[in-house]
Amino acid sequence: MILTAACLIGLAGAAGAQDLRVRILEEELSVPVSGALVLLVDQEGRERERGVTSEGGRVHLRAPAAGSYRLRLLRIGYVAWESALTEVGGETRDIELRVPSQRVVLPDVIVVGRSLCGARSTGDAATMALWEEAQKAFGLARETVLRRRLRFRSVERVEELNKNGLVIGERAALQPSGLTSWPVRAPAVESLAAHGFVSQIEDLHVGPTWYGPDPEVLLSEFFLESHCFRTVPSDSAVPAGWVGLAFEPAPVPHKPDIRGTIWVDRESAELRRLDFAYETLPSWAEHATAGGRLDFARLPGGLWIVQRWTLRVPVPEVRRGDDRARFHGYQRTRGWIEMVLSEQGQELARFDP
């Protein structure tokens, strides 16, 4: 069965869940589209299923019930495409889509843009162009983690730093091959909304616990609505071809939050890096700095991972007979993935230390 970019044909069927075996080809060259997010969206616009196309351009989706759905295609560097609304029944169907390949043109940011908060940021074309490309990569990385498609061999080093940031001790360990994961984690969005990115912030025995931006948070409406965004040009700290989308907490009741910059390669529209820093530190560390960095890499077939990561947080000191905490120094965790393997153990990628 051939389905064109104009419509989907002949998907009406019996009631109940339905498996869709989809193959996606470029309309102009008839080559498979790999590493693309394919979303199954109902007639109310709600996402019901998603998957990532293989190197052969194939993806398997399941509609939860009979009804009307669209297929939405998200490719890094290309304009999003969506099929016409179609009725889905209960039979397994093989579907071939031929889709156009219209490149995304990212803004050439020369000066810092206006800061727009929450829903207002969706009205700025430059801001949304960068945000949408970053979200595609976050979505692909999320699928990589959730579906456990990959294994990796990584190294992680934990360093003790003094108040001036100088290393005074360290330990390192080569991690055995394990399932794909995200190096920083966040609680449920509801908890973030109530308590922020640092929990037990003044607890010297249990906490603080430092949370970071994981895919669930970065893809959430909460993150978009609770932060302000502005476009920024590259500086001396990043390559000249990158453009940045800076974010900071919206002016809401004060709680631990993060600000930072999402860096995207302007030519390819690929996500390169996410820098973030914490706001509202513990009272004993009010003059300290804390934050992290995530470096992204694209794998063969179009999947995405965090290839390098750094997190630096302040550490308290409590002296005997004195309940007051003092700023002792920092703990810095640095890690990187050396090798990526398929589920069957085949080497897919190798990275320099």
C-alpha atoms as a PDB file:
ATOM      1  CA  MET A   1       0.000   0.000   0.000  1.00  0.00           C
ATOM      2  CA  ILE A   2       1.411   3.415  -0.997  1.00  0.00           C
ATOM      3  CA  LEU A   3       0.486   6.503   1.012  1.00  0.00           C
ATOM      4  CA  THR A   4       1.506   9.896  -0.323  1.00  0.00           C
ATOM      5  CA  ALA A   5       2.131  13.178   1.486  1.00  0.00           C
ATOM      6  CA  ALA A   6      -1.373  14.254   0.499  1.00  0.00           C
ATOM      7  CA  CYS A   7      -3.339  11.569   2.326  1.00  0.00           C
ATOM      8  CA  LEU A   8      -3.421   8.111   3.871  1.00  0.00           C
ATOM      9  CA  ILE A   9      -5.512   5.623   1.941  1.00  0.00           C
ATOM     10  CA  GLY A  10      -7.525   2.622   3.021  1.00  0.00           C
ATOM     11  CA  LEU A  11      -6.863   2.436   6.757  1.00  0.00           C
ATOM     12  CA  ALA A  12     -10.482   1.915   7.740  1.00  0.00           C
ATOM     13  CA  GLY A  13     -10.931  -1.435   9.477  1.00  0.00           C
ATOM     14  CA  ALA A  14     -12.387  -3.360  12.340  1.00  0.00           C
ATOM     15  CA  ALA A  15     -12.662  -1.834  15.816  1.00  0.00           C
ATOM     16  CA  GLY A  16      -9.864  -2.293  18.337  1.00  0.00           C
ATOM     17  CA  ALA A  17      -6.133  -1.675  18.579  1.00  0.00           C
ATOM     18  CA  GLN A  18      -4.148  -1.733  15.366  1.00  0.00           C
ATOM     19  CA  ASP A  19      -0.507  -2.305  14.556  1.00  0.00           C
ATOM     20  CA  LEU A  20       0.922   0.015  11.920  1.00  0.00           C
ATOM     21  CA  ARG A  21       4.119  -1.041  10.169  1.00  0.00           C
ATOM     22  CA  VAL A  22       5.269   2.199   8.613  1.00  0.00           C
ATOM     23  CA  ARG A  23       8.062   2.850   6.121  1.00  0.00           C
ATOM     24  CA  ILE A  24       9.074   6.418   5.316  1.00  0.00           C
ATOM     25  CA  LEU A  25      10.877   7.487   2.159  1.00  0.00           C
ATOM     26  CA  GLU A  26      11.986  10.864   0.866  1.00  0.00           C
ATOM     27  CA  GLU A  27       9.617  11.967  -1.859  1.00  0.00           C
ATOM     28  CA  GLU A  28      12.309  13.260  -4.224  1.00  0.00           C
ATOM     29  CA  LEU A  29      14.932  10.479  -4.025  1.00  0.00           C
ATOM     30  CA  SER A  30      12.926   7.535  -2.648  1.00  0.00           C
ATOM     31  CA  VAL A  31      15.620   6.894  -0.007  1.00  0.00           C
ATOM     32  CA  PRO A  32      14.692   5.752   3.520  1.00  0.00           C
ATOM     33  CA  VAL A  33      14.315   8.416   6.204  1.00  0.00           C
ATOM     34  CA  SER A  34      16.181   7.176   9.296  1.00  0.00           C
ATOM     35  CA  GLY A  35      16.402   8.665  12.776  1.00  0.00           C
ATOM     36  CA  ALA A  36      13.086  10.501  12.571  1.00  0.00           C
ATOM     37  CA  LEU A  37      10.441  10.722  15.270  1.00  0.00           C
ATOM     38  CA  VAL A  38       7.054   9.477  14.090  1.00  0.00           C
ATOM     39  CA  LEU A  39       4.081  10.430  16.248  1.00  0.00           C
ATOM     40  CA  LEU A  40       0.607   8.928  16.129  1.00  0.00           C
ATOM     41  CA  VAL A  41      -1.747  11.791  16.986  1.00  0.00           C
ATOM     42  CA  ASP A  42      -5.509  11.563  17.588  1.00  0.00           C
ATOM     43  CA  GLN A  43      -8.071  14.009  16.219  1.00  0.00           C
ATOM     44  CA  GLU A  44      -7.826  16.166  19.374  1.00  0.00           C
ATOM     45  CA  GLY A  45      -4.093  16.621  18.763  1.00  0.00           C
ATOM     46  CA  ARG A  46      -2.990  14.323  21.599  1.00  0.00           C
ATOM     47  CA  GLU A  47       0.013  12.101  21.027  1.00  0.00           C
ATOM     48  CA  ARG A  48      -0.917   8.441  21.517  1.00  0.00           C
ATOM     49  CA  GLU A  49       2.226   6.621  20.363  1.00  0.00           C
ATOM     50  CA  ARG A  50       5.679   7.425  19.035  1.00  0.00           C
ATOM     51  CA  GLY A  51       8.649   5.670  17.551  1.00  0.00           C
ATOM     52  CA  VAL A  52      11.950   6.255  15.766  1.00  0.00           C
ATOM     53  CA  THR A  53      12.592   5.131  12.195  1.00  0.00           C
ATOM     54  CA  SER A  54      15.352   2.586  11.619  1.00  0.00           C
ATOM     55  CA  GLU A  55      18.100   2.891   9.008  1.00  0.00           C
ATOM     56  CA  GLY A  56      15.641   1.343   6.577  1.00  0.00           C
ATOM     57  CA  GLY A  57      13.096   4.062   7.368  1.00  0.00           C
ATOM     58  CA  ARG A  58      10.802   1.666   9.257  1.00  0.00           C
ATOM     59  CA  VAL A  59       8.865   2.126  12.499  1.00  0.00           C
ATOM     60  CA  HIS A  60       6.204   0.058  14.253  1.00  0.00           C
ATOM     61  CA  LEU A  61       3.323   1.936  15.935  1.00  0.00           C
ATOM     62  CA  ARG A  62       0.182   0.760  17.683  1.00  0.00           C
ATOM     63  CA  ALA A  63      -3.039   2.744  17.792  1.00  0.00           C
ATOM     64  CA  PRO A  64      -4.675   2.275  21.231  1.00  0.00           C
ATOM     65  CA  ALA A  65      -8.154   1.934  19.737  1.00  0.00           C
ATOM     66  CA  ALA A  66     -10.109   2.451  16.557  1.00  0.00           C
ATOM     67  CA  GLY A  67     -10.510   6.101  15.660  1.00  0.00           C
ATOM     68  CA  SER A  68      -9.201   9.001  13.622  1.00  0.00           C
ATOM     69  CA  TYR A  69      -5.439   9.661  13.662  1.00  0.00           C
ATOM     70  CA  ARG A  70      -2.657  11.527  11.906  1.00  0.00           C
ATOM     71  CA  LEU A  71       0.995  10.577  11.486  1.00  0.00           C
ATOM     72  CA  ARG A  72       3.406  13.413  12.318  1.00  0.00           C
ATOM     73  CA  LEU A  73       7.032  13.249  11.180  1.00  0.00           C
ATOM     74  CA  LEU A  74       9.767  15.180  13.001  1.00  0.00           C
ATOM     75  CA  ARG A  75      13.265  15.230  11.453  1.00  0.00           C
ATOM     76  CA  ILE A  76      16.161  17.287  12.734  1.00  0.00           C
ATOM     77  CA  GLY A  77      16.926  19.990  10.209  1.00  0.00           C
ATOM     78  CA  TYR A  78      13.668  19.549   8.265  1.00  0.00           C
ATOM     79  CA  VAL A  79      10.221  21.132   8.430  1.00  0.00           C
ATOM     80  CA  ALA A  80       7.725  18.956  10.312  1.00  0.00           C
ATOM     81  CA  TRP A  81       5.245  17.023   8.180  1.00  0.00           C
ATOM     82  CA  GLU A  82       1.802  15.674   9.062  1.00  0.00           C
ATOM     83  CA  SER A  83      -0.568  13.369   7.205  1.00  0.00           C
ATOM     84  CA  ALA A  84      -4.253  13.924   6.660  1.00  0.00           C
ATOM     85  CA  LEU A  85      -6.699  12.649   9.288  1.00  0.00           C
ATOM     86  CA  THR A  86      -7.597   9.015   8.682  1.00  0.00           C
ATOM     87  CA  GLU A  87      -9.777   6.327  10.225  1.00  0.00           C
ATOM     88  CA  VAL A  88      -7.845   3.494  11.870  1.00  0.00           C
ATOM     89  CA  GLY A  89      -9.418   0.101  12.555  1.00  0.00           C
ATOM     90  CA  GLY A  90      -8.163  -3.176  13.991  1.00  0.00           C
ATOM     91  CA  GLU A  91      -5.976  -4.836  11.375  1.00  0.00           C
ATOM     92  CA  THR A  92      -2.200  -4.802  11.016  1.00  0.00           C
ATOM     93  CA  ARG A  93      -1.303  -2.683   8.015  1.00  0.00           C
ATOM     94  CA  ASP A  94       1.863  -1.996   6.049  1.00  0.00           C
ATOM     95  CA  ILE A  95       2.106   1.676   5.176  1.00  0.00           C
ATOM     96  CA  GLU A  96       4.589   3.498   2.963  1.00  0.00           C
ATOM     97  CA  LEU A  97       4.881   7.270   3.233  1.00  0.00           C
ATOM     98  CA  ARG A  98       6.658   9.467   0.722  1.00  0.00           C
ATOM     99  CA  VAL A  99       7.350  12.805   2.345  1.00  0.00           C
ATOM    100  CA  PRO A 100       8.892  16.084   1.137  1.00  0.00           C
ATOM    101  CA  SER A 101      12.319  17.193   2.376  1.00  0.00           C
ATOM    102  CA  GLN A 102      12.089  20.897   3.123  1.00  0.00           C
ATOM    103  CA  ARG A 103      15.076  22.123   5.126  1.00  0.00           C
ATOM    104  CA  VAL A 104      14.674  24.284   8.231  1.00  0.00           C
ATOM    105  CA  VAL A 105      16.394  27.664   8.026  1.00  0.00           C
ATOM    106  CA  LEU A 106      17.604  28.757  11.464  1.00  0.00           C
ATOM    107  CA  PRO A 107      18.079  32.439  12.286  1.00  0.00           C
ATOM    108  CA  ASP A 108      21.471  34.074  11.988  1.00  0.00           C
ATOM    109  CA  VAL A 109      21.579  35.510  15.497  1.00  0.00           C
ATOM    110  CA  ILE A 110      23.854  38.543  15.735  1.00  0.00           C
ATOM    111  CA  VAL A 111      22.565  40.218  18.885  1.00  0.00           C
ATOM    112  CA  VAL A 112      20.694  38.976  21.940  1.00  0.00           C
ATOM    113  CA  GLY A 113      16.966  38.749  21.277  1.00  0.00           C
ATOM    114  CA  ARG A 114      14.076  39.856  23.434  1.00  0.00           C
ATOM    115  CA  SER A 115      13.290  37.756  26.493  1.00  0.00           C
ATOM    116  CA  LEU A 116       9.838  36.209  26.113  1.00  0.00           C
ATOM    117  CA  CYS A 117       8.211  34.236  28.906  1.00  0.00           C
ATOM    118  CA  GLY A 118       5.918  31.241  28.898  1.00  0.00           C
ATOM    119  CA  ALA A 119       3.270  31.162  26.186  1.00  0.00           C
ATOM    120  CA  ARG A 120       4.505  34.497  24.761  1.00  0.00           C
ATOM    121  CA  SER A 121       7.714  32.808  23.578  1.00  0.00           C
ATOM    122  CA  THR A 122       5.699  30.728  21.100  1.00  0.00           C
ATOM    123  CA  GLY A 123       4.944  33.914  19.172  1.00  0.00           C
ATOM    124  CA  ASP A 124       8.590  34.577  18.298  1.00  0.00           C
ATOM    125  CA  ALA A 125       9.683  32.770  15.132  1.00  0.00           C
ATOM    126  CA  ALA A 126      13.414  32.662  15.914  1.00  0.00           C
ATOM    127  CA  THR A 127      12.854  31.387  19.456  1.00  0.00           C
ATOM    128  CA  MET A 128      10.449  28.678  18.352  1.00  0.00           C
ATOM    129  CA  ALA A 129      12.652  27.547  15.462  1.00  0.00           C
ATOM    130  CA  LEU A 130      15.510  26.825  17.870  1.00  0.00           C
ATOM    131  CA  TRP A 131      13.194  25.335  20.492  1.00  0.00           C
ATOM    132  CA  GLU A 132      11.564  22.962  17.996  1.00  0.00           C
ATOM    133  CA  GLU A 133      14.888  21.660  16.665  1.00  0.00           C
ATOM    134  CA  ALA A 134      16.197  21.106  20.194  1.00  0.00           C
ATOM    135  CA  GLN A 135      12.998  19.285  21.140  1.00  0.00           C
ATOM    136  CA  LYS A 136      13.422  16.876  18.235  1.00  0.00           C
ATOM    137  CA  ALA A 137      16.835  15.837  19.580  1.00  0.00           C
ATOM    138  CA  PHE A 138      15.511  15.643  23.162  1.00  0.00           C
ATOM    139  CA  GLY A 139      12.701  13.427  21.889  1.00  0.00           C
ATOM    140  CA  LEU A 140      15.090  11.116  20.046  1.00  0.00           C
ATOM    141  CA  ALA A 141      17.340  10.870  23.117  1.00  0.00           C
ATOM    142  CA  ARG A 142      14.285  10.115  25.248  1.00  0.00           C
ATOM    143  CA  GLU A 143      13.247   7.283  22.951  1.00  0.00           C
ATOM    144  CA  THR A 144      16.787   5.903  23.035  1.00  0.00           C
ATOM    145  CA  VAL A 145      16.595   5.757  26.826  1.00  0.00           C
ATOM    146  CA  LEU A 146      13.020   4.481  27.143  1.00  0.00           C
ATOM    147  CA  ARG A 147      13.326   1.722  24.549  1.00  0.00           C
ATOM    148  CA  ARG A 148      16.728   0.546  25.818  1.00  0.00           C
ATOM    149  CA  ARG A 149      18.025   0.293  22.253  1.00  0.00           C
ATOM    150  CA  LEU A 150      21.673   0.795  23.113  1.00  0.00           C
ATOM    151  CA  ARG A 151      24.383  -0.234  25.523  1.00  0.00           C
ATOM    152  CA  PHE A 152      27.388   1.872  26.311  1.00  0.00           C
ATOM    153  CA  ARG A 153      30.771   1.774  27.973  1.00  0.00           C
ATOM    154  CA  SER A 154      31.504   4.905  29.935  1.00  0.00           C
ATOM    155  CA  VAL A 155      33.925   6.505  32.359  1.00  0.00           C
ATOM    156  CA  GLU A 156      32.888   8.690  35.281  1.00  0.00           C
ATOM    157  CA  ARG A 157      35.180  10.729  37.506  1.00  0.00           C
ATOM    158  CA  VAL A 158      34.140  12.306  40.824  1.00  0.00           C
ATOM    159  CA  GLU A 159      36.403  15.124  42.019  1.00  0.00           C
ATOM    160  CA  GLU A 160      36.598  17.064  45.264  1.00  0.00           C
ATOM    161  CA  LEU A 161      37.317  20.758  44.741  1.00  0.00           C
ATOM    162  CA  ASN A 162      38.196  23.454  47.254  1.00  0.00           C
ATOM    163  CA  LYS A 163      36.414  26.804  47.505  1.00  0.00           C
ATOM    164  CA  ASN A 164      38.507  28.187  44.661  1.00  0.00           C
ATOM    165  CA  GLY A 165      37.666  25.312  42.340  1.00  0.00           C
ATOM    166  CA  LEU A 166      41.034  23.551  42.546  1.00  0.00           C
ATOM    167  CA  VAL A 167      41.012  19.734  42.554  1.00  0.00           C
ATOM    168  CA  ILE A 168      42.128  18.287  45.927  1.00  0.00           C
ATOM    169  CA  GLY A 169      41.011  14.679  45.442  1.00  0.00           C
ATOM    170  CA  GLU A 170      39.416  12.414  42.889  1.00  0.00           C
ATOM    171  CA  ARG A 171      38.269   8.930  42.060  1.00  0.00           C
ATOM    172  CA  ALA A 172      37.483   7.445  38.679  1.00  0.00           C
ATOM    173  CA  ALA A 173      35.828   4.264  37.523  1.00  0.00           C
ATOM    174  CA  LEU A 174      35.337   2.598  34.156  1.00  0.00           C
ATOM    175  CA  GLN A 175      31.692   1.643  33.967  1.00  0.00           C
ATOM    176  CA  PRO A 176      30.837  -1.768  32.477  1.00  0.00           C
ATOM    177  CA  SER A 177      28.534  -1.890  29.470  1.00  0.00           C
ATOM    178  CA  GLY A 178      25.072  -0.988  30.657  1.00  0.00           C
ATOM    179  CA  LEU A 179      21.730   0.159  29.380  1.00  0.00           C
ATOM    180  CA  THR A 180      21.395   3.639  27.966  1.00  0.00           C
ATOM    181  CA  SER A 181      20.561   6.265  30.571  1.00  0.00           C
ATOM    182  CA  TRP A 182      20.453  10.028  31.015  1.00  0.00           C
ATOM    183  CA  PRO A 183      23.252  11.336  33.269  1.00  0.00           C
ATOM    184  CA  VAL A 184      21.144  13.830  35.234  1.00  0.00           C
ATOM    185  CA  ARG A 185      17.674  13.158  36.521  1.00  0.00           C
ATOM    186  CA  ALA A 186      14.628  15.128  37.563  1.00  0.00           C
ATOM    187  CA  PRO A 187      11.565  14.239  39.638  1.00  0.00           C
ATOM    188  CA  ALA A 188       8.040  14.333  38.257  1.00  0.00           C
ATOM    189  CA  VAL A 189       6.978  17.654  36.787  1.00  0.00           C
ATOM    190  CA  GLU A 190       4.470  18.106  39.617  1.00  0.00           C
ATOM    191  CA  SER A 191       7.288  17.934  42.173  1.00  0.00           C
ATOM    192  CA  LEU A 192       9.416  20.377  40.202  1.00  0.00           C
ATOM    193  CA  ALA A 193       6.551  22.814  40.018  1.00  0.00           C
ATOM    194  CA  ALA A 194       6.129  22.671  43.801  1.00  0.00           C
ATOM    195  CA  HIS A 195       9.720  22.420  45.047  1.00  0.00           C
ATOM    196  CA  GLY A 196      12.089  23.295  42.206  1.00  0.00           C
ATOM    197  CA  PHE A 197      15.339  21.696  41.046  1.00  0.00           C
ATOM    198  CA  VAL A 198      16.922  21.296  44.518  1.00  0.00           C
ATOM    199  CA  SER A 199      15.168  19.318  47.260  1.00  0.00           C
ATOM    200  CA  GLN A 200      16.017  19.277  50.985  1.00  0.00           C
ATOM    201  CA  ILE A 201      18.006  22.366  50.206  1.00  0.00           C
ATOM    202  CA  GLU A 202      19.005  23.124  53.823  1.00  0.00           C
ATOM    203  CA  ASP A 203      19.183  19.507  55.057  1.00  0.00           C
ATOM    204  CA  LEU A 204      22.795  18.746  56.012  1.00  0.00           C
ATOM    205  CA  HIS A 205      22.260  15.047  56.724  1.00  0.00           C
ATOM    206  CA  VAL A 206      20.104  13.855  53.827  1.00  0.00           C
ATOM    207  CA  GLY A 207      20.420  16.517  51.130  1.00  0.00           C
ATOM    208  CA  PRO A 208      20.531  18.674  49.235  1.00  0.00           C
ATOM    209  CA  THR A 209      19.523  16.643  46.195  1.00  0.00           C
ATOM    210  CA  TRP A 210      20.408  18.345  42.922  1.00  0.00           C
ATOM    211  CA  TYR A 211      18.178  17.638  39.946  1.00  0.00           C
ATOM    212  CA  GLY A 212      18.938  18.433  36.336  1.00  0.00           C
ATOM    213  CA  PRO A 213      17.084  18.815  33.042  1.00  0.00           C
ATOM    214  CA  ASP A 214      16.153  15.359  31.760  1.00  0.00           C
ATOM    215  CA  PRO A 215      14.128  14.687  28.580  1.00  0.00           C
ATOM    216  CA  GLU A 216      10.779  14.454  30.391  1.00  0.00           C
ATOM    217  CA  VAL A 217      11.265  17.957  31.800  1.00  0.00           C
ATOM    218  CA  LEU A 218      12.721  19.472  28.641  1.00  0.00           C
ATOM    219  CA  LEU A 219       9.818  18.138  26.563  1.00  0.00           C
ATOM    220  CA  SER A 220       7.143  19.259  29.037  1.00  0.00           C
ATOM    221  CA  GLU A 221       4.735  22.175  28.765  1.00  0.00           C
ATOM    222  CA  PHE A 222       5.778  23.011  32.329  1.00  0.00           C
ATOM    223  CA  PHE A 223       9.322  23.878  31.279  1.00  0.00           C
ATOM    224  CA  LEU A 224       8.167  26.081  28.409  1.00  0.00           C
ATOM    225  CA  GLU A 225       5.548  27.860  30.520  1.00  0.00           C
ATOM    226  CA  SER A 226       7.769  28.376  33.589  1.00  0.00           C
ATOM    227  CA  HIS A 227      10.788  29.871  31.784  1.00  0.00           C
ATOM    228  CA  CYS A 228      11.660  32.875  29.673  1.00  0.00           C
ATOM    229  CA  PHE A 229      13.595  32.424  26.413  1.00  0.00           C
ATOM    230  CA  ARG A 230      15.762  34.601  24.201  1.00  0.00           C
ATOM    231  CA  THR A 231      18.033  33.932  21.248  1.00  0.00           C
ATOM    232  CA  VAL A 232      21.767  34.558  21.735  1.00  0.00           C
ATOM    233  CA  PRO A 233      24.712  34.586  19.300  1.00  0.00           C
ATOM    234  CA  SER A 234      27.776  32.392  19.711  1.00  0.00           C
ATOM    235  CA  ASP A 235      30.584  33.723  21.891  1.00  0.00           C
ATOM    236  CA  SER A 236      34.200  32.835  22.563  1.00  0.00           C
ATOM    237  CA  ALA A 237      33.146  29.731  24.513  1.00  0.00           C
ATOM    238  CA  VAL A 238      31.422  27.986  21.577  1.00  0.00           C
ATOM    239  CA  PRO A 239      32.082  27.542  17.830  1.00  0.00           C
ATOM    240  CA  ALA A 240      31.117  30.440  15.563  1.00  0.00           C
ATOM    241  CA  GLY A 241      28.527  28.380  13.704  1.00  0.00           C
ATOM    242  CA  TRP A 242      26.351  27.779  16.764  1.00  0.00           C
ATOM    243  CA  VAL A 243      23.280  29.757  17.819  1.00  0.00           C
ATOM    244  CA  GLY A 244      21.877  29.687  21.322  1.00  0.00           C
ATOM    245  CA  LEU A 245      18.501  29.662  23.001  1.00  0.00           C
ATOM    246  CA  ALA A 246      18.979  31.034  26.515  1.00  0.00           C
ATOM    247  CA  PHE A 247      16.412  30.256  29.210  1.00  0.00           C
ATOM    248  CA  GLU A 248      15.813  31.531  32.727  1.00  0.00           C
ATOM    249  CA  PRO A 249      13.062  31.140  35.344  1.00  0.00           C
ATOM    250  CA  ALA A 250       9.948  33.180  34.733  1.00  0.00           C
ATOM    251  CA  PRO A 251       9.125  35.760  37.431  1.00  0.00           C
ATOM    252  CA  VAL A 252       7.166  33.431  39.712  1.00  0.00           C
ATOM    253  CA  PRO A 253       7.416  32.622  43.463  1.00  0.00           C
ATOM    254  CA  HIS A 254      11.103  32.042  44.264  1.00  0.00           C
ATOM    255  CA  LYS A 255      12.286  28.412  44.395  1.00  0.00           C
ATOM    256  CA  PRO A 256      15.412  26.566  43.249  1.00  0.00           C
ATOM    257  CA  ASP A 257      15.489  26.621  39.465  1.00  0.00           C
ATOM    258  CA  ILE A 258      17.896  26.551  36.526  1.00  0.00           C
ATOM    259  CA  ARG A 259      18.965  28.970  33.819  1.00  0.00           C
ATOM    260  CA  GLY A 260      21.154  28.175  30.853  1.00  0.00           C
ATOM    261  CA  THR A 261      21.598  27.962  27.097  1.00  0.00           C
ATOM    262  CA  ILE A 262      20.683  25.342  24.516  1.00  0.00           C
ATOM    263  CA  TRP A 263      23.242  25.434  21.685  1.00  0.00           C
ATOM    264  CA  VAL A 264      22.286  24.361  18.149  1.00  0.00           C
ATOM    265  CA  ASP A 265      24.442  24.134  15.014  1.00  0.00           C
ATOM    266  CA  ARG A 266      22.930  26.684  12.649  1.00  0.00           C
ATOM    267  CA  GLU A 267      23.838  24.870   9.420  1.00  0.00           C
ATOM    268  CA  SER A 268      22.670  21.354  10.341  1.00  0.00           C
ATOM    269  CA  ALA A 269      20.096  22.336  13.027  1.00  0.00           C
ATOM    270  CA  GLU A 270      21.621  19.615  15.249  1.00  0.00           C
ATOM    271  CA  LEU A 271      21.656  19.987  19.020  1.00  0.00           C
ATOM    272  CA  ARG A 272      25.204  20.372  20.327  1.00  0.00           C
ATOM    273  CA  ARG A 273      25.191  21.327  23.994  1.00  0.00           C
ATOM    274  CA  LEU A 274      23.116  22.365  26.980  1.00  0.00           C
ATOM    275  CA  ASP A 275      24.699  24.543  29.688  1.00  0.00           C
ATOM    276  CA  PHE A 276      22.796  25.159  32.921  1.00  0.00           C
ATOM    277  CA  ALA A 277      23.311  26.842  36.293  1.00  0.00           C
ATOM    278  CA  TYR A 278      21.308  26.682  39.499  1.00  0.00           C
ATOM    279  CA  GLU A 279      19.554  29.669  41.003  1.00  0.00           C
ATOM    280  CA  THR A 280      18.671  29.921  44.721  1.00  0.00           C
ATOM    281  CA  LEU A 281      21.430  27.931  46.420  1.00  0.00           C
ATOM    282  CA  PRO A 282      21.458  26.873  50.097  1.00  0.00           C
ATOM    283  CA  SER A 283      22.068  29.750  52.519  1.00  0.00           C
ATOM    284  CA  TRP A 284      25.505  28.366  53.457  1.00  0.00           C
ATOM    285  CA  ALA A 285      26.523  28.407  49.777  1.00  0.00           C
ATOM    286  CA  GLU A 286      25.081  31.742  48.715  1.00  0.00           C
ATOM    287  CA  HIS A 287      28.401  32.877  47.212  1.00  0.00           C
ATOM    288  CA  ALA A 288      29.102  29.570  45.442  1.00  0.00           C
ATOM    289  CA  THR A 289      28.223  28.582  41.883  1.00  0.00           C
ATOM    290  CA  ALA A 290      26.601  25.364  40.743  1.00  0.00           C
ATOM    291  CA  GLY A 291      25.593  23.937  37.411  1.00  0.00           C
ATOM    292  CA  GLY A 292      26.335  21.503  34.645  1.00  0.00           C
ATOM    293  CA  ARG A 293      26.827  20.819  30.969  1.00  0.00           C
ATOM    294  CA  LEU A 294      25.533  18.133  28.617  1.00  0.00           C
ATOM    295  CA  ASP A 295      27.226  17.470  25.257  1.00  0.00           C
ATOM    296  CA  PHE A 296      25.165  15.625  22.656  1.00  0.00           C
ATOM    297  CA  ALA A 297      26.173  13.260  19.850  1.00  0.00           C
ATOM    298  CA  ARG A 298      24.289  11.815  16.903  1.00  0.00           C
ATOM    299  CA  LEU A 299      24.732   8.088  16.309  1.00  0.00           C
ATOM    300  CA  PRO A 300      24.497   6.098  13.064  1.00  0.00           C
ATOM    301  CA  GLY A 301      20.839   5.700  12.219  1.00  0.00           C
ATOM    302  CA  GLY A 302      19.896   9.060  13.737  1.00  0.00           C
ATOM    303  CA  LEU A 303      19.630   8.220  17.438  1.00  0.00           C
ATOM    304  CA  TRP A 304      20.959  10.739  19.981  1.00  0.00           C
ATOM    305  CA  ILE A 305      22.783  10.433  23.296  1.00  0.00           C
ATOM    306  CA  VAL A 306      24.406  12.624  25.926  1.00  0.00           C
ATOM    307  CA  GLN A 307      28.034  11.779  25.159  1.00  0.00           C
ATOM    308  CA  ARG A 308      29.697  13.961  27.837  1.00  0.00           C
ATOM    309  CA  TRP A 309      28.388  15.487  31.042  1.00  0.00           C
ATOM    310  CA  THR A 310      29.576  17.616  33.952  1.00  0.00           C
ATOM    311  CA  LEU A 311      27.814  18.546  37.187  1.00  0.00           C
ATOM    312  CA  ARG A 312      29.354  20.766  39.892  1.00  0.00           C
ATOM    313  CA  VAL A 313      27.559  21.373  43.203  1.00  0.00           C
ATOM    314  CA  PRO A 314      28.618  22.933  46.532  1.00  0.00           C
ATOM    315  CA  VAL A 315      29.399  20.747  49.563  1.00  0.00           C
ATOM    316  CA  PRO A 316      28.752  21.841  53.182  1.00  0.00           C
ATOM    317  CA  GLU A 317      31.000  21.499  56.211  1.00  0.00           C
ATOM    318  CA  VAL A 318      29.621  21.117  59.741  1.00  0.00           C
ATOM    319  CA  ARG A 319      32.113  21.414  62.587  1.00  0.00           C
ATOM    320  CA  ARG A 320      31.798  19.473  65.826  1.00  0.00           C
ATOM    321  CA  GLY A 321      29.696  21.325  68.377  1.00  0.00           C
ATOM    322  CA  ASP A 322      28.428  23.818  65.792  1.00  0.00           C
ATOM    323  CA  ASP A 323      25.136  23.271  63.964  1.00  0.00           C
ATOM    324  CA  ARG A 324      25.873  25.965  61.413  1.00  0.00           C
ATOM    325  CA  ALA A 325      26.955  24.824  57.976  1.00  0.00           C
ATOM    326  CA  ARG A 326      29.814  26.415  56.124  1.00  0.00           C
ATOM    327  CA  PHE A 327      30.762  26.249  52.482  1.00  0.00           C
ATOM    328  CA  HIS A 328      33.479  23.592  52.219  1.00  0.00           C
ATOM    329  CA  GLY A 329      34.020  23.327  48.469  1.00  0.00           C
ATOM    330  CA  TYR A 330      32.534  21.460  45.520  1.00  0.00           C
ATOM    331  CA  GLN A 331      31.896  18.006  44.211  1.00  0.00           C
ATOM    332  CA  ARG A 332      32.302  17.740  40.448  1.00  0.00           C
ATOM    333  CA  THR A 333      31.145  14.729  38.495  1.00  0.00           C
ATOM    334  CA  ARG A 334      32.460  14.348  34.954  1.00  0.00           C
ATOM    335  CA  GLY A 335      31.610  11.495  32.649  1.00  0.00           C
ATOM    336  CA  TRP A 336      31.764  10.448  29.035  1.00  0.00           C
ATOM    337  CA  ILE A 337      30.718   7.551  26.844  1.00  0.00           C
ATOM    338  CA  GLU A 338      33.610   5.774  25.142  1.00  0.00           C
ATOM    339  CA  MET A 339      31.708   3.172  23.141  1.00  0.00           C
ATOM    340  CA  VAL A 340      28.127   2.569  22.050  1.00  0.00           C
ATOM    341  CA  LEU A 341      26.903  -0.967  21.352  1.00  0.00           C
ATOM    342  CA  SER A 342      23.730  -2.385  19.899  1.00  0.00           C
ATOM    343  CA  GLU A 343      21.523  -4.679  21.961  1.00  0.00           C
ATOM    344  CA  GLN A 344      23.327  -7.583  20.297  1.00  0.00           C
ATOM    345  CA  GLY A 345      26.773  -6.218  21.256  1.00  0.00           C
ATOM    346  CA  GLN A 346      27.757  -4.784  17.875  1.00  0.00           C
ATOM    347  CA  GLU A 347      29.898  -1.636  18.098  1.00  0.00           C
ATOM    348  CA  LEU A 348      28.010   1.359  16.706  1.00  0.00           C
ATOM    349  CA  ALA A 349      30.236   4.269  17.701  1.00  0.00           C
ATOM    350  CA  ARG A 350      33.460   5.013  19.526  1.00  0.00           C
ATOM    351  CA  PHE A 351      34.470   8.381  21.009  1.00  0.00           C
ATOM    352  CA  ASP A 352      37.828   9.840  21.930  1.00  0.00           C
ATOM    353  CA  PRO A 353      38.520  10.401  25.674  1.00  0.00           C
END
